[in-house]
Amino acid sequence: MPKYFLDVFENYRYNYQRIFSILYPSKNSTGFTERNLSVNFANAYERINPSAITWFEFQFGENNNLHYDAVIIDPENKRLLLIESKRFSNPHTKIESIANDIDRIQNVKNKYSPDFMSRIPDISNYQIFGVILADVWTETRKKKQIYDSFVAGTFITDFLEDNLIKYPSLHNATYYVGDFDNLPCDAPKRDVLQTYHLVFFAWEI
């Protein structure tokens, strides 16, 4: 994985570590809203790359009927990150949703190219990355399989084979896993959070 992603994702995990040390965000469930994944990742990226800017719910498409959860534009390093966030609350439907996200991200260079070129100056000189942010609670067998596939770097191979055939660049996807097994002893619901994990994969388009 490129070092800039390693640094960003460790910073991203540390954001969550700080939050969980003093706050358990959810009430009456184990779910945290997806938006927090995008926001905390963007904060981590911008902290390391101060020239970067982020826009959430970035609309595009012929009738503005499509969106990415977030886009990060880094003019100094010439990078564009197209971000989608998911909770593996329902593994089957979320895996299908990620497949659709990948289609939408991959199409930025062909189907949606005129839209982006008119709105982001110099985009033709940018590296473009797809980023799928997710979290998973490993309290069921299926979710544990998903987590293990991220650890092994095989999530796409195991669950998204059709996308892999359509988009060979996914063979070069990089993976990251963030765990929370070293929270302070007085962190709220520390034991519950032992089964919570941040996962991601990213690839250059």
Protein backbone atom coordinates (compact mmCIF):
# COMPACT_ATOMS: atom_id res chain seq x y z
CA MET A 1 0.00 0.00 0.00
CA PRO A 2 1.34 3.50 -0.77
CA LYS A 3 2.74 5.12 2.36
CA TYR A 4 0.31 8.04 2.18
CA PHE A 5 -2.60 5.63 2.56
CA LEU A 6 -0.92 3.85 5.45
CA ASP A 7 -0.43 7.15 7.26
CA VAL A 8 -3.99 8.32 6.56
CA PHE A 9 -5.65 5.11 7.65
CA GLU A 10 -3.65 4.85 10.83
CA ASN A 11 -4.66 8.44 11.58
CA TYR A 12 -8.26 7.46 10.75
CA ARG A 13 -8.17 4.53 13.17
CA TYR A 14 -6.64 6.79 15.81
CA ASN A 15 -9.59 9.19 15.43
CA TYR A 16 -11.91 6.35 16.39
CA GLN A 17 -9.59 5.23 19.16
CA ARG A 18 -9.79 8.72 20.74
CA ILE A 19 -13.57 8.82 20.39
CA PHE A 20 -14.12 5.36 21.88
CA SER A 21 -11.85 6.20 24.80
CA ILE A 22 -14.37 8.75 26.04
CA LEU A 23 -17.65 8.02 24.22
CA TYR A 24 -19.70 5.04 23.14
CA PRO A 25 -21.66 6.69 20.29
CA SER A 26 -24.64 4.36 19.86
CA LYS A 27 -27.72 3.87 22.02
CA ASN A 28 -29.67 0.60 22.15
CA SER A 29 -27.75 -0.94 19.23
CA THR A 30 -24.28 -1.78 18.06
CA GLY A 31 -24.56 0.31 14.90
CA PHE A 32 -22.77 3.57 14.16
CA THR A 33 -24.03 5.65 11.23
CA GLU A 34 -22.06 5.35 7.99
CA ARG A 35 -21.52 9.10 7.69
CA ASN A 36 -19.00 8.94 10.55
CA LEU A 37 -16.75 6.73 8.44
CA SER A 38 -16.54 9.34 5.68
CA VAL A 39 -16.15 12.28 8.05
CA ASN A 40 -13.43 10.73 10.18
CA PHE A 41 -11.52 9.51 7.14
CA ALA A 42 -11.69 12.95 5.52
CA ASN A 43 -10.43 14.55 8.74
CA ALA A 44 -7.53 12.11 8.83
CA TYR A 45 -6.63 12.75 5.19
CA GLU A 46 -6.79 16.54 5.50
CA ARG A 47 -4.69 16.48 8.68
CA ILE A 48 -1.86 14.83 6.77
CA ASN A 49 -2.49 16.66 3.46
CA PRO A 50 -3.50 20.24 4.35
CA SER A 51 -4.09 21.29 0.74
CA ALA A 52 -6.90 18.76 0.38
CA ILE A 53 -10.61 19.60 0.51
CA THR A 54 -13.63 17.34 1.00
CA TRP A 55 -17.21 17.49 -0.15
CA PHE A 56 -19.80 15.08 1.23
CA GLU A 57 -22.75 13.73 -0.79
CA PHE A 58 -21.12 14.83 -4.06
CA GLN A 59 -23.83 14.87 -6.73
CA PHE A 60 -23.21 14.01 -10.37
CA GLY A 61 -24.86 12.32 -13.31
CA GLU A 62 -27.17 13.51 -16.03
CA ASN A 63 -29.87 14.67 -13.60
CA ASN A 64 -27.70 14.94 -10.49
CA ASN A 65 -29.36 11.69 -9.46
CA LEU A 66 -26.12 9.98 -8.39
CA HIS A 67 -23.71 10.75 -5.60
CA TYR A 68 -20.55 9.61 -3.85
CA ASP A 69 -20.57 9.67 -0.07
CA ALA A 70 -17.53 11.94 -0.24
CA VAL A 71 -14.88 13.18 -2.63
CA ILE A 72 -11.47 14.35 -1.52
CA ILE A 73 -9.53 16.58 -3.91
CA ASP A 74 -5.83 16.97 -3.15
CA PRO A 75 -4.45 19.60 -5.57
CA GLU A 76 -0.90 19.54 -4.21
CA ASN A 77 -0.48 15.78 -4.67
CA LYS A 78 -2.82 15.55 -7.65
CA ARG A 79 -5.12 12.93 -6.14
CA LEU A 80 -8.89 12.51 -6.34
CA LEU A 81 -10.49 10.03 -3.93
CA LEU A 82 -14.03 8.80 -4.58
CA ILE A 83 -15.39 7.43 -1.32
CA GLU A 84 -18.28 5.16 -0.45
CA SER A 85 -19.04 4.06 3.12
CA LYS A 86 -20.82 0.93 4.27
CA ARG A 87 -21.88 -0.85 7.45
CA PHE A 88 -21.96 -4.62 7.17
CA SER A 89 -25.19 -4.69 9.16
CA ASN A 90 -26.77 -6.95 6.54
CA PRO A 91 -23.81 -8.65 4.83
CA HIS A 92 -25.60 -9.91 1.71
CA THR A 93 -27.27 -6.62 0.75
CA LYS A 94 -24.18 -4.58 1.66
CA ILE A 95 -21.92 -6.73 -0.51
CA GLU A 96 -24.33 -6.17 -3.43
CA SER A 97 -24.30 -2.45 -2.66
CA ILE A 98 -20.49 -2.35 -2.73
CA ALA A 99 -20.58 -4.02 -6.16
CA ASN A 100 -22.78 -1.16 -7.37
CA ASP A 101 -20.48 1.39 -5.72
CA ILE A 102 -17.52 -0.02 -7.62
CA ASP A 103 -19.42 0.30 -10.92
CA ARG A 104 -20.23 3.93 -10.14
CA ILE A 105 -16.64 4.71 -9.15
CA GLN A 106 -15.11 2.99 -12.17
CA ASN A 107 -17.34 4.94 -14.55
CA VAL A 108 -15.84 8.27 -13.52
CA LYS A 109 -13.28 8.05 -16.36
CA ASN A 110 -15.72 7.28 -19.14
CA LYS A 111 -19.46 7.68 -18.59
CA TYR A 112 -19.13 10.58 -16.11
CA SER A 113 -15.91 12.11 -17.40
CA PRO A 114 -17.41 15.26 -19.00
CA ASP A 115 -19.25 16.11 -15.77
CA PHE A 116 -16.11 15.85 -13.66
CA MET A 117 -13.84 17.61 -16.16
CA SER A 118 -16.13 20.63 -16.12
CA ARG A 119 -16.08 20.86 -12.31
CA ILE A 120 -12.55 19.90 -11.22
CA PRO A 121 -9.83 21.88 -12.99
CA ASP A 122 -6.84 19.84 -14.15
CA ILE A 123 -8.53 16.53 -13.28
CA SER A 124 -6.84 14.88 -16.27
CA ASN A 125 -3.54 15.16 -14.37
CA TYR A 126 -4.88 13.54 -11.19
CA GLN A 127 -4.50 10.02 -9.92
CA ILE A 128 -8.01 8.77 -9.18
CA PHE A 129 -8.64 6.28 -6.39
CA GLY A 130 -11.75 4.40 -5.36
CA VAL A 131 -12.07 4.01 -1.59
CA ILE A 132 -14.57 1.73 0.14
CA LEU A 133 -14.76 2.42 3.87
CA ALA A 134 -16.67 -0.02 6.04
CA ASP A 135 -17.09 -1.30 9.55
CA VAL A 136 -18.04 -4.75 10.76
CA TRP A 137 -19.01 -6.33 14.05
CA THR A 138 -17.73 -9.90 14.16
CA GLU A 139 -20.59 -11.31 16.23
CA THR A 140 -21.83 -13.68 13.48
CA ARG A 141 -20.09 -16.27 11.33
CA LYS A 142 -20.71 -14.38 8.07
CA LYS A 143 -19.40 -11.10 9.45
CA LYS A 144 -16.33 -12.89 10.80
CA GLN A 145 -15.74 -14.27 7.29
CA ILE A 146 -15.92 -10.73 5.90
CA TYR A 147 -13.49 -9.45 8.51
CA ASP A 148 -11.09 -12.32 7.86
CA SER A 149 -11.18 -11.61 4.12
CA PHE A 150 -10.04 -8.03 4.75
CA VAL A 151 -7.24 -9.27 7.00
CA ALA A 152 -6.17 -11.67 4.25
CA GLY A 153 -6.64 -9.09 1.47
CA THR A 154 -9.13 -11.31 -0.35
CA PHE A 155 -12.50 -9.60 0.13
CA ILE A 156 -12.87 -8.73 -3.56
CA THR A 157 -11.77 -12.19 -4.67
CA ASP A 158 -14.06 -13.90 -2.17
CA PHE A 159 -17.20 -11.80 -2.55
CA LEU A 160 -16.95 -9.62 -5.68
CA GLU A 161 -15.55 -11.90 -8.35
CA ASP A 162 -17.74 -10.41 -11.10
CA ASN A 163 -16.35 -6.94 -10.40
CA LEU A 164 -12.83 -8.35 -10.46
CA ILE A 165 -13.42 -9.74 -13.94
CA LYS A 166 -14.88 -6.43 -15.19
CA TYR A 167 -12.23 -4.22 -13.60
CA PRO A 168 -8.72 -5.78 -13.57
CA SER A 169 -7.37 -2.78 -11.62
CA LEU A 170 -9.09 -4.27 -8.55
CA HIS A 171 -6.36 -6.91 -8.51
CA ASN A 172 -4.14 -4.13 -7.15
CA ALA A 173 -6.52 -3.09 -4.37
CA THR A 174 -4.93 -2.55 -0.98
CA TYR A 175 -6.55 -3.40 2.34
CA TYR A 176 -6.46 -2.06 5.85
CA VAL A 177 -7.96 -3.28 9.13
CA GLY A 178 -8.28 -1.19 12.30
CA ASP A 179 -9.02 -2.90 15.60
CA PHE A 180 -9.75 -1.58 19.08
CA ASP A 181 -8.41 -4.21 21.46
CA ASN A 182 -6.16 -1.75 23.30
CA LEU A 183 -8.73 0.78 24.55
CA PRO A 184 -8.18 2.18 28.06
CA CYS A 185 -9.62 0.05 30.84
CA ASP A 186 -12.16 2.75 31.70
CA ALA A 187 -13.39 3.23 28.10
CA PRO A 188 -17.21 2.91 27.91
CA LYS A 189 -18.35 -0.52 26.70
CA ARG A 190 -14.74 -1.52 26.10
CA ASP A 191 -15.59 -5.23 25.95
CA VAL A 192 -18.29 -4.69 23.33
CA LEU A 193 -15.85 -2.84 21.10
CA GLN A 194 -13.50 -5.81 20.96
CA THR A 195 -15.74 -7.13 18.15
CA TYR A 196 -15.85 -3.84 16.21
CA HIS A 197 -13.45 -3.28 13.31
CA LEU A 198 -12.79 -0.65 10.68
CA VAL A 199 -11.99 -2.12 7.28
CA PHE A 200 -11.28 -0.63 3.89
CA PHE A 201 -9.94 -1.27 0.45
CA ALA A 202 -8.69 1.22 -2.12
CA TRP A 203 -7.50 0.96 -5.69
CA GLU A 204 -6.29 3.25 -8.44
CA ILE A 205 -8.69 3.59 -11.36
